[in-house]
Amino acid sequence: MGKSILQQYIDLAKEGTERAIGEIMEHLNGSMTLAESKFIDFALGHVESGEGLRTMEHYLFHGSQIQRNYCTLYFARRGEYLLIRKAYDEGLIDARQAFSR
């Protein structure tokens, strides 16, 4: 029996490489299911490596709108409000996304 999709996302997040985070980010799109969106959101909380953090920051400033939104959630949970404020000031995320807790 193979790994669940949730476990696959968690494993990628824990790997924390640019490639692994990129693979997760590819699934953030308008055709994902509600369950998949929740799995990805949960799994991203497992990103801890320096490379993973830098990659998440890259997507916050250079990803699609949906990728930026998930990165905002990720950094908000980590208390990285100055980074979120910078993305907001650059017009990359809206006030609701930036300042909701």
C-alpha atoms as a PDB file:
ATOM      1  CA  MET A   1       0.000   0.000   0.000  1.00  0.00           C
ATOM      2  CA  GLY A   2       1.405   3.398  -0.990  1.00  0.00           C
ATOM      3  CA  LYS A   3       1.635   6.544   1.051  1.00  0.00           C
ATOM      4  CA  SER A   4      -1.380   8.794   1.332  1.00  0.00           C
ATOM      5  CA  ILE A   5      -1.327  12.052  -0.605  1.00  0.00           C
ATOM      6  CA  LEU A   6      -1.099  13.902   2.715  1.00  0.00           C
ATOM      7  CA  GLN A   7       1.974  11.901   3.725  1.00  0.00           C
ATOM      8  CA  GLN A   8       3.543  12.539   0.323  1.00  0.00           C
ATOM      9  CA  TYR A   9       3.119  16.298   0.795  1.00  0.00           C
ATOM     10  CA  ILE A  10       4.471  16.126   4.357  1.00  0.00           C
ATOM     11  CA  ASP A  11       7.526  14.174   3.180  1.00  0.00           C
ATOM     12  CA  LEU A  12       8.201  16.780   0.487  1.00  0.00           C
ATOM     13  CA  ALA A  13       7.807  19.612   3.005  1.00  0.00           C
ATOM     14  CA  LYS A  14      10.182  17.930   5.445  1.00  0.00           C
ATOM     15  CA  GLU A  15      12.676  17.368   2.637  1.00  0.00           C
ATOM     16  CA  GLY A  16      12.577  21.133   2.263  1.00  0.00           C
ATOM     17  CA  THR A  17      14.549  21.408  -0.944  1.00  0.00           C
ATOM     18  CA  GLU A  18      13.710  23.901  -3.656  1.00  0.00           C
ATOM     19  CA  ARG A  19      12.609  21.002  -5.857  1.00  0.00           C
ATOM     20  CA  ALA A  20      10.396  19.471  -3.158  1.00  0.00           C
ATOM     21  CA  ILE A  21       8.699  22.768  -2.294  1.00  0.00           C
ATOM     22  CA  GLY A  22       8.265  23.462  -6.015  1.00  0.00           C
ATOM     23  CA  GLU A  23       6.528  20.126  -6.423  1.00  0.00           C
ATOM     24  CA  ILE A  24       4.055  21.042  -3.701  1.00  0.00           C
ATOM     25  CA  MET A  25       3.518  24.509  -5.162  1.00  0.00           C
ATOM     26  CA  GLU A  26       2.676  23.025  -8.573  1.00  0.00           C
ATOM     27  CA  HIS A  27      -0.447  21.523  -6.994  1.00  0.00           C
ATOM     28  CA  LEU A  28      -1.734  24.905  -5.777  1.00  0.00           C
ATOM     29  CA  ASN A  29      -4.106  25.796  -8.586  1.00  0.00           C
ATOM     30  CA  GLY A  30      -7.751  26.265  -9.397  1.00  0.00           C
ATOM     31  CA  SER A  31      -8.296  22.586 -10.150  1.00  0.00           C
ATOM     32  CA  MET A  32      -7.187  21.269  -6.750  1.00  0.00           C
ATOM     33  CA  THR A  33      -9.814  19.754  -4.505  1.00  0.00           C
ATOM     34  CA  LEU A  34     -10.766  21.198  -1.131  1.00  0.00           C
ATOM     35  CA  ALA A  35      -9.163  18.190   0.553  1.00  0.00           C
ATOM     36  CA  GLU A  36      -5.942  18.684  -1.397  1.00  0.00           C
ATOM     37  CA  SER A  37      -5.839  22.378  -0.462  1.00  0.00           C
ATOM     38  CA  LYS A  38      -6.148  21.465   3.216  1.00  0.00           C
ATOM     39  CA  PHE A  39      -3.479  18.747   2.904  1.00  0.00           C
ATOM     40  CA  ILE A  40      -1.072  21.197   1.283  1.00  0.00           C
ATOM     41  CA  ASP A  41      -1.735  23.873   3.890  1.00  0.00           C
ATOM     42  CA  PHE A  42      -1.093  21.369   6.691  1.00  0.00           C
ATOM     43  CA  ALA A  43       1.975  19.870   5.024  1.00  0.00           C
ATOM     44  CA  LEU A  44       3.617  23.250   4.433  1.00  0.00           C
ATOM     45  CA  GLY A  45       3.738  23.684   8.194  1.00  0.00           C
ATOM     46  CA  HIS A  46       6.462  21.020   8.173  1.00  0.00           C
ATOM     47  CA  VAL A  47       8.899  23.153   6.149  1.00  0.00           C
ATOM     48  CA  GLU A  48      11.785  23.882   8.515  1.00  0.00           C
ATOM     49  CA  SER A  49      15.036  23.786   6.535  1.00  0.00           C
ATOM     50  CA  GLY A  50      16.865  26.954   5.576  1.00  0.00           C
ATOM     51  CA  GLU A  51      16.491  26.107   1.900  1.00  0.00           C
ATOM     52  CA  GLY A  52      12.786  25.458   2.417  1.00  0.00           C
ATOM     53  CA  LEU A  53      12.296  28.803   4.177  1.00  0.00           C
ATOM     54  CA  ARG A  54      14.120  30.636   1.396  1.00  0.00           C
ATOM     55  CA  THR A  55      12.029  28.821  -1.204  1.00  0.00           C
ATOM     56  CA  MET A  56       8.805  29.711   0.600  1.00  0.00           C
ATOM     57  CA  GLU A  57       9.948  33.334   0.711  1.00  0.00           C
ATOM     58  CA  HIS A  58      10.684  33.196  -3.012  1.00  0.00           C
ATOM     59  CA  TYR A  59       7.129  31.999  -3.707  1.00  0.00           C
ATOM     60  CA  LEU A  60       5.736  34.714  -1.420  1.00  0.00           C
ATOM     61  CA  PHE A  61       7.286  37.345  -3.680  1.00  0.00           C
ATOM     62  CA  HIS A  62       7.336  35.587  -7.066  1.00  0.00           C
ATOM     63  CA  GLY A  63       4.642  32.904  -7.046  1.00  0.00           C
ATOM     64  CA  SER A  64       1.131  32.941  -8.420  1.00  0.00           C
ATOM     65  CA  GLN A  65      -1.574  34.598  -6.341  1.00  0.00           C
ATOM     66  CA  ILE A  66      -2.662  31.309  -4.786  1.00  0.00           C
ATOM     67  CA  GLN A  67       0.950  30.375  -3.988  1.00  0.00           C
ATOM     68  CA  ARG A  68       1.500  33.775  -2.369  1.00  0.00           C
ATOM     69  CA  ASN A  69      -1.642  33.271  -0.279  1.00  0.00           C
ATOM     70  CA  TYR A  70      -0.452  29.917   1.054  1.00  0.00           C
ATOM     71  CA  CYS A  71       2.991  31.351   1.763  1.00  0.00           C
ATOM     72  CA  THR A  72       1.335  34.187   3.670  1.00  0.00           C
ATOM     73  CA  LEU A  73      -0.503  31.655   5.834  1.00  0.00           C
ATOM     74  CA  TYR A  74       2.767  29.793   6.388  1.00  0.00           C
ATOM     75  CA  PHE A  75       4.700  32.881   7.464  1.00  0.00           C
ATOM     76  CA  ALA A  76       1.818  34.211   9.586  1.00  0.00           C
ATOM     77  CA  ARG A  77       1.818  30.971  11.565  1.00  0.00           C
ATOM     78  CA  ARG A  78       5.537  31.473  12.131  1.00  0.00           C
ATOM     79  CA  GLY A  79       5.017  35.062  13.288  1.00  0.00           C
ATOM     80  CA  GLU A  80       6.964  36.526  10.354  1.00  0.00           C
ATOM     81  CA  TYR A  81       4.833  39.657  10.136  1.00  0.00           C
ATOM     82  CA  LEU A  82       7.566  41.971   8.812  1.00  0.00           C
ATOM     83  CA  LEU A  83       7.980  39.697   5.806  1.00  0.00           C
ATOM     84  CA  ILE A  84       4.221  39.630   5.265  1.00  0.00           C
ATOM     85  CA  ARG A  85       4.098  43.419   5.576  1.00  0.00           C
ATOM     86  CA  LYS A  86       6.796  43.728   2.928  1.00  0.00           C
ATOM     87  CA  ALA A  87       4.773  41.542   0.528  1.00  0.00           C
ATOM     88  CA  TYR A  88       1.680  43.626   1.292  1.00  0.00           C
ATOM     89  CA  ASP A  89       3.553  46.908   0.745  1.00  0.00           C
ATOM     90  CA  GLU A  90       4.711  45.580  -2.639  1.00  0.00           C
ATOM     91  CA  GLY A  91       1.082  44.888  -3.589  1.00  0.00           C
ATOM     92  CA  LEU A  92       1.570  41.127  -3.755  1.00  0.00           C
ATOM     93  CA  ILE A  93      -1.111  40.216  -1.207  1.00  0.00           C
ATOM     94  CA  ASP A  94      -4.233  42.061  -0.146  1.00  0.00           C
ATOM     95  CA  ALA A  95      -4.941  43.506   3.292  1.00  0.00           C
ATOM     96  CA  ARG A  96      -7.354  40.722   4.195  1.00  0.00           C
ATOM     97  CA  GLN A  97      -4.717  38.086   3.495  1.00  0.00           C
ATOM     98  CA  ALA A  98      -1.923  40.053   5.141  1.00  0.00           C
ATOM     99  CA  PHE A  99      -3.622  41.079   8.346  1.00  0.00           C
ATOM    100  CA  SER A 100      -6.123  38.330   9.163  1.00  0.00           C
ATOM    101  CA  ARG A 101      -5.087  35.987  11.954  1.00  0.00           C
END
